[in-house]
N, C-alpha and C. Protein backbone atom coordinates (compact mmCIF):
# COMPACT_ATOMS: atom_id res chain seq x y z
N UNK A 1 -10.34 -49.82 137.15
CA UNK A 1 -9.81 -51.17 137.33
C UNK A 1 -9.93 -51.96 136.03
N UNK A 2 -11.01 -51.77 135.30
CA UNK A 2 -11.20 -52.49 134.05
C UNK A 2 -10.12 -52.11 133.04
N UNK A 3 -9.77 -50.81 132.94
CA UNK A 3 -8.74 -50.37 132.01
C UNK A 3 -7.39 -50.96 132.37
N UNK A 4 -7.05 -50.99 133.65
CA UNK A 4 -5.79 -51.56 134.10
C UNK A 4 -5.74 -53.04 133.76
N UNK A 5 -6.83 -53.73 133.94
CA UNK A 5 -6.91 -55.15 133.63
C UNK A 5 -6.65 -55.39 132.14
N UNK A 6 -7.26 -54.58 131.26
CA UNK A 6 -7.05 -54.71 129.81
C UNK A 6 -5.61 -54.43 129.45
N UNK A 7 -5.01 -53.40 130.04
CA UNK A 7 -3.60 -53.08 129.77
C UNK A 7 -2.69 -54.23 130.23
N UNK A 8 -3.01 -54.83 131.36
CA UNK A 8 -2.22 -55.95 131.87
C UNK A 8 -2.31 -57.12 130.90
N UNK A 9 -3.49 -57.44 130.43
CA UNK A 9 -3.67 -58.54 129.48
C UNK A 9 -2.96 -58.26 128.18
N UNK A 10 -3.01 -57.02 127.72
CA UNK A 10 -2.29 -56.65 126.49
C UNK A 10 -0.81 -56.84 126.68
N UNK A 11 -0.28 -56.50 127.83
CA UNK A 11 1.14 -56.70 128.11
C UNK A 11 1.52 -58.17 128.09
N UNK A 12 0.67 -59.02 128.65
CA UNK A 12 0.93 -60.47 128.62
C UNK A 12 0.93 -60.96 127.16
N UNK A 13 0.00 -60.49 126.36
CA UNK A 13 -0.05 -60.88 124.95
C UNK A 13 1.23 -60.50 124.22
N UNK A 14 1.76 -59.33 124.49
CA UNK A 14 2.99 -58.91 123.85
C UNK A 14 4.17 -59.73 124.32
N UNK A 15 4.19 -60.10 125.59
CA UNK A 15 5.28 -60.93 126.09
C UNK A 15 5.23 -62.29 125.43
N UNK A 16 4.04 -62.84 125.26
CA UNK A 16 3.92 -64.13 124.58
C UNK A 16 4.33 -64.05 123.13
N UNK A 17 4.13 -62.90 122.51
CA UNK A 17 4.50 -62.72 121.11
C UNK A 17 5.98 -62.44 120.91
N UNK A 18 6.76 -62.34 122.01
CA UNK A 18 8.18 -62.12 121.90
C UNK A 18 8.63 -60.69 122.12
N UNK A 19 7.72 -59.80 122.47
CA UNK A 19 8.07 -58.41 122.73
C UNK A 19 8.57 -58.32 124.18
N UNK A 20 9.67 -57.61 124.39
CA UNK A 20 10.24 -57.59 125.73
C UNK A 20 9.85 -56.36 126.55
N UNK A 21 8.97 -55.51 126.03
CA UNK A 21 8.54 -54.35 126.80
C UNK A 21 7.05 -54.18 126.72
N UNK A 22 6.42 -53.66 127.82
CA UNK A 22 4.99 -53.46 127.80
C UNK A 22 4.60 -52.32 126.86
N UNK A 23 3.34 -52.28 126.43
CA UNK A 23 2.91 -51.21 125.55
C UNK A 23 2.99 -49.85 126.23
N UNK A 24 3.30 -48.81 125.46
CA UNK A 24 3.40 -47.45 126.00
C UNK A 24 2.26 -46.63 125.44
N UNK A 25 1.81 -45.70 126.23
CA UNK A 25 0.76 -44.79 125.79
C UNK A 25 1.38 -43.68 124.94
N UNK A 26 0.61 -43.22 123.96
CA UNK A 26 1.05 -42.09 123.15
C UNK A 26 1.06 -40.84 124.03
N UNK A 27 2.08 -40.03 123.91
CA UNK A 27 2.20 -38.79 124.64
C UNK A 27 2.00 -37.65 123.61
N UNK A 28 0.94 -36.84 123.71
CA UNK A 28 0.68 -35.81 122.71
C UNK A 28 1.81 -34.82 122.50
N UNK A 29 2.66 -34.63 123.50
CA UNK A 29 3.80 -33.70 123.37
C UNK A 29 5.06 -34.35 122.81
N UNK A 30 4.97 -35.67 122.57
CA UNK A 30 6.14 -36.40 122.06
C UNK A 30 5.95 -36.63 120.56
N UNK A 31 6.48 -35.72 119.78
CA UNK A 31 6.40 -35.81 118.32
C UNK A 31 7.60 -35.15 117.69
N UNK A 32 7.82 -35.48 116.42
CA UNK A 32 8.86 -34.82 115.63
C UNK A 32 8.27 -34.52 114.28
N UNK A 33 8.55 -33.32 113.78
CA UNK A 33 8.15 -32.92 112.45
C UNK A 33 9.41 -32.89 111.59
N UNK A 34 9.41 -33.67 110.52
CA UNK A 34 10.55 -33.79 109.62
C UNK A 34 10.26 -33.10 108.29
N UNK A 35 11.30 -32.44 107.74
CA UNK A 35 11.18 -31.73 106.46
C UNK A 35 12.29 -32.16 105.54
N UNK A 36 11.98 -32.28 104.24
CA UNK A 36 13.03 -32.71 103.31
C UNK A 36 13.86 -31.54 102.78
N UNK A 37 13.49 -30.30 103.13
CA UNK A 37 14.26 -29.13 102.76
C UNK A 37 14.79 -28.41 103.98
N UNK A 38 15.85 -27.64 103.79
CA UNK A 38 16.35 -26.84 104.89
C UNK A 38 15.34 -25.77 105.25
N UNK A 39 15.43 -25.23 106.45
CA UNK A 39 14.54 -24.15 106.91
C UNK A 39 13.07 -24.52 106.83
N UNK A 40 12.77 -25.80 107.12
CA UNK A 40 11.38 -26.28 107.23
C UNK A 40 10.63 -26.16 105.93
N UNK A 41 11.30 -26.36 104.82
CA UNK A 41 10.67 -26.26 103.50
C UNK A 41 10.48 -27.65 102.90
N UNK A 42 9.71 -27.70 101.83
CA UNK A 42 9.47 -28.95 101.12
C UNK A 42 8.45 -29.84 101.79
N UNK A 43 8.51 -31.13 101.46
CA UNK A 43 7.57 -32.10 102.02
C UNK A 43 7.83 -32.27 103.51
N UNK A 44 6.77 -32.61 104.25
CA UNK A 44 6.89 -32.76 105.71
C UNK A 44 6.09 -33.98 106.15
N UNK A 45 6.53 -34.56 107.27
CA UNK A 45 5.82 -35.66 107.93
C UNK A 45 5.97 -35.48 109.43
N UNK A 46 4.92 -35.85 110.16
CA UNK A 46 4.97 -35.78 111.63
C UNK A 46 4.89 -37.20 112.19
N UNK A 47 5.83 -37.55 113.05
CA UNK A 47 5.87 -38.85 113.70
C UNK A 47 5.49 -38.67 115.16
N UNK A 48 4.64 -39.54 115.66
CA UNK A 48 4.15 -39.47 117.03
C UNK A 48 4.89 -40.49 117.89
N UNK A 49 5.24 -40.12 119.12
CA UNK A 49 5.96 -41.03 119.98
C UNK A 49 5.26 -41.16 121.33
N UNK A 50 5.88 -41.89 122.23
CA UNK A 50 7.16 -42.57 122.05
C UNK A 50 7.02 -43.70 121.03
N UNK A 51 8.09 -43.87 120.24
CA UNK A 51 8.09 -44.90 119.20
C UNK A 51 9.50 -45.08 118.67
N UNK A 52 9.70 -46.16 117.95
CA UNK A 52 10.97 -46.45 117.30
C UNK A 52 10.71 -46.75 115.85
N UNK A 53 11.47 -46.14 114.95
CA UNK A 53 11.34 -46.31 113.51
C UNK A 53 12.66 -46.85 112.98
N UNK A 54 12.78 -48.17 112.83
CA UNK A 54 14.01 -48.82 112.41
C UNK A 54 14.37 -48.48 110.96
N UNK A 55 13.38 -48.08 110.19
CA UNK A 55 13.59 -47.59 108.83
C UNK A 55 12.55 -46.52 108.55
N UNK A 56 12.81 -45.71 107.56
CA UNK A 56 11.94 -44.59 107.28
C UNK A 56 11.25 -44.67 105.93
N UNK A 57 11.08 -45.88 105.45
CA UNK A 57 10.42 -46.08 104.16
C UNK A 57 8.93 -46.18 104.35
N UNK A 58 8.17 -45.69 103.37
CA UNK A 58 6.73 -45.80 103.36
C UNK A 58 6.00 -44.96 104.38
N UNK A 59 6.62 -43.94 104.89
CA UNK A 59 5.94 -43.07 105.84
C UNK A 59 5.22 -41.97 105.09
N UNK A 60 3.91 -41.88 105.32
CA UNK A 60 3.09 -40.88 104.66
C UNK A 60 3.22 -41.00 103.14
N UNK A 61 3.34 -42.24 102.65
CA UNK A 61 3.36 -42.49 101.23
C UNK A 61 4.68 -42.24 100.51
N UNK A 62 5.76 -42.08 101.24
CA UNK A 62 7.05 -41.86 100.59
C UNK A 62 8.21 -42.41 101.41
N UNK A 63 9.36 -42.48 100.79
CA UNK A 63 10.58 -42.96 101.44
C UNK A 63 11.33 -41.75 102.00
N UNK A 64 11.53 -41.74 103.33
CA UNK A 64 12.22 -40.63 104.00
C UNK A 64 13.66 -40.94 104.31
N UNK A 65 14.14 -42.14 103.95
CA UNK A 65 15.59 -42.46 104.13
C UNK A 65 16.43 -41.44 103.40
N UNK A 66 17.40 -40.89 104.10
CA UNK A 66 18.36 -39.94 103.52
C UNK A 66 17.67 -38.73 102.86
N UNK A 67 16.57 -38.29 103.44
CA UNK A 67 15.83 -37.15 102.89
C UNK A 67 15.62 -36.02 103.89
N UNK A 68 15.96 -36.21 105.15
CA UNK A 68 15.63 -35.21 106.18
C UNK A 68 16.69 -34.14 106.27
N UNK A 69 16.25 -32.87 106.16
CA UNK A 69 17.16 -31.72 106.19
C UNK A 69 16.91 -30.77 107.34
N UNK A 70 15.69 -30.77 107.89
CA UNK A 70 15.38 -29.91 109.03
C UNK A 70 14.27 -30.58 109.85
N UNK A 71 14.13 -30.11 111.11
CA UNK A 71 13.14 -30.76 111.98
C UNK A 71 12.76 -29.88 113.15
N UNK A 72 11.64 -30.26 113.79
CA UNK A 72 11.19 -29.66 115.05
C UNK A 72 10.74 -30.78 115.95
N UNK A 73 11.06 -30.70 117.25
CA UNK A 73 10.56 -31.66 118.21
C UNK A 73 9.51 -31.02 119.10
N UNK A 74 8.60 -31.84 119.62
CA UNK A 74 7.56 -31.36 120.54
C UNK A 74 8.11 -31.12 121.93
N UNK A 75 7.27 -30.56 122.80
CA UNK A 75 7.71 -30.16 124.16
C UNK A 75 8.05 -31.34 125.09
N UNK A 76 7.67 -32.55 124.70
CA UNK A 76 7.96 -33.72 125.55
C UNK A 76 8.69 -34.79 124.73
N UNK A 77 9.48 -34.37 123.74
CA UNK A 77 10.10 -35.35 122.85
C UNK A 77 11.62 -35.23 122.81
N UNK A 78 12.28 -36.31 123.19
CA UNK A 78 13.71 -36.49 122.97
C UNK A 78 13.83 -37.40 121.77
N UNK A 79 14.60 -37.02 120.77
CA UNK A 79 14.76 -37.82 119.57
C UNK A 79 16.22 -38.22 119.39
N UNK A 80 16.42 -39.45 118.98
CA UNK A 80 17.76 -39.90 118.58
C UNK A 80 17.66 -40.26 117.10
N UNK A 81 18.45 -39.58 116.28
CA UNK A 81 18.48 -39.81 114.83
C UNK A 81 19.73 -40.56 114.48
N UNK A 82 19.58 -41.65 113.73
CA UNK A 82 20.69 -42.52 113.37
C UNK A 82 20.98 -42.45 111.88
N UNK A 83 22.25 -42.57 111.56
CA UNK A 83 22.66 -42.49 110.16
C UNK A 83 22.23 -43.71 109.35
N UNK A 84 22.13 -44.88 109.97
CA UNK A 84 21.77 -46.11 109.27
C UNK A 84 20.49 -46.69 109.82
N UNK A 85 19.89 -47.62 109.05
CA UNK A 85 18.72 -48.35 109.48
C UNK A 85 19.03 -49.14 110.75
N UNK A 86 17.98 -49.51 111.45
CA UNK A 86 18.09 -50.34 112.66
C UNK A 86 18.96 -49.71 113.75
N UNK A 87 18.93 -48.38 113.82
CA UNK A 87 19.58 -47.65 114.90
C UNK A 87 21.08 -47.86 114.96
N UNK A 88 21.73 -47.82 113.80
CA UNK A 88 23.16 -48.10 113.72
C UNK A 88 23.94 -46.87 113.26
N UNK A 89 25.25 -46.92 113.44
CA UNK A 89 26.22 -45.93 113.01
C UNK A 89 26.09 -44.62 113.81
N UNK A 90 26.50 -43.52 113.23
CA UNK A 90 26.49 -42.22 113.92
C UNK A 90 25.08 -41.83 114.32
N UNK A 91 24.99 -41.03 115.36
CA UNK A 91 23.68 -40.56 115.80
C UNK A 91 23.79 -39.17 116.40
N UNK A 92 22.67 -38.48 116.44
CA UNK A 92 22.56 -37.21 117.14
C UNK A 92 21.35 -37.28 118.07
N UNK A 93 21.46 -36.65 119.21
CA UNK A 93 20.37 -36.57 120.19
C UNK A 93 19.80 -35.16 120.11
N UNK A 94 18.48 -35.09 119.97
CA UNK A 94 17.80 -33.82 119.85
C UNK A 94 16.84 -33.66 121.04
N UNK A 95 16.95 -32.56 121.79
CA UNK A 95 16.12 -32.37 122.98
C UNK A 95 14.71 -31.85 122.63
N UNK A 96 13.85 -31.79 123.64
CA UNK A 96 12.49 -31.23 123.42
C UNK A 96 12.55 -29.77 122.94
N UNK A 97 11.51 -29.38 122.19
CA UNK A 97 11.36 -28.02 121.68
C UNK A 97 12.51 -27.57 120.79
N UNK A 98 13.20 -28.51 120.18
CA UNK A 98 14.29 -28.15 119.27
C UNK A 98 13.74 -27.64 117.93
N UNK A 99 14.42 -26.69 117.37
CA UNK A 99 14.08 -26.14 116.05
C UNK A 99 15.38 -26.11 115.26
N UNK A 100 15.59 -27.14 114.44
CA UNK A 100 16.82 -27.26 113.66
C UNK A 100 16.54 -26.99 112.18
N UNK A 101 16.98 -25.85 111.70
CA UNK A 101 16.75 -25.49 110.30
C UNK A 101 17.68 -26.22 109.36
N UNK A 102 18.72 -26.88 109.93
CA UNK A 102 19.66 -27.68 109.14
C UNK A 102 20.23 -28.77 110.07
N UNK A 103 20.56 -29.91 109.50
CA UNK A 103 21.17 -30.98 110.29
C UNK A 103 22.68 -31.06 110.12
N UNK A 104 23.27 -30.07 109.48
CA UNK A 104 24.70 -30.01 109.30
C UNK A 104 25.25 -31.23 108.59
N UNK A 105 26.24 -31.87 109.20
CA UNK A 105 26.88 -33.01 108.55
C UNK A 105 25.96 -34.23 108.44
N UNK A 106 24.84 -34.22 109.16
CA UNK A 106 23.87 -35.34 109.07
C UNK A 106 22.74 -35.04 108.09
N UNK A 107 22.81 -33.91 107.40
CA UNK A 107 21.79 -33.54 106.42
C UNK A 107 21.64 -34.66 105.36
N UNK A 108 20.41 -35.07 105.13
CA UNK A 108 20.09 -36.12 104.15
C UNK A 108 20.81 -37.44 104.41
N UNK A 109 21.07 -37.75 105.69
CA UNK A 109 21.73 -39.01 106.03
C UNK A 109 21.02 -39.84 107.10
N UNK A 110 19.84 -39.41 107.54
CA UNK A 110 19.12 -40.13 108.60
C UNK A 110 18.33 -41.28 108.02
N UNK A 111 18.45 -42.48 108.67
CA UNK A 111 17.73 -43.67 108.20
C UNK A 111 16.92 -44.35 109.29
N UNK A 112 17.06 -43.95 110.54
CA UNK A 112 16.21 -44.51 111.61
C UNK A 112 16.13 -43.50 112.75
N UNK A 113 15.02 -43.59 113.51
CA UNK A 113 14.74 -42.61 114.56
C UNK A 113 14.09 -43.30 115.75
N UNK A 114 14.49 -42.88 116.94
CA UNK A 114 13.80 -43.26 118.19
C UNK A 114 13.26 -42.01 118.85
N UNK A 115 12.03 -42.07 119.32
CA UNK A 115 11.41 -40.95 120.02
C UNK A 115 11.08 -41.36 121.46
N UNK A 116 11.49 -40.55 122.42
CA UNK A 116 11.28 -40.83 123.85
C UNK A 116 10.52 -39.67 124.47
N UNK A 117 9.70 -39.98 125.48
CA UNK A 117 9.04 -38.90 126.23
C UNK A 117 9.74 -38.65 127.57
N UNK A 118 11.01 -39.08 127.64
CA UNK A 118 11.88 -38.85 128.78
C UNK A 118 13.33 -38.81 128.29
N UNK A 119 14.21 -38.34 129.11
CA UNK A 119 15.63 -38.31 128.73
C UNK A 119 16.11 -39.73 128.46
N UNK A 120 16.62 -39.99 127.26
CA UNK A 120 17.05 -41.35 126.94
C UNK A 120 18.34 -41.76 127.66
C-alpha cells in the first residue's frame, strides 16, 4: 500500500509539472542496442525503455544523431526510429528480438527514438 501511495503522489507531481502521463516502470526486456557500424561493429550504446528520446545527442558521451547503422532490440521492446529530431519525418517500426545488421535506406539517418514495452 505504501508503494502504491508513493507512485500515486509521484503521478500527481508530474501532472502538476505539466506532464500528461503517469510515470512508467522500467522493463528489463525493453531495450535497444545501437551500433555506429554495420554488422554490430564500432561504438555501441544501450538505451533502456520504455522511454522516448527526442534527440540522440550526449548519450554515453557522444552524439548519436545520424550515426546508427545496426541494432538489436530486447525481447519486450518495440522501437520506432525517426529520421528527424522530435519524432518527425520518416520512421521505421522494429519489433522485439530484432537483429538488424543494416538499416538500409535509413542507415546513418536516425535522430529520435521511442521505445515501448507493448505494440505501439
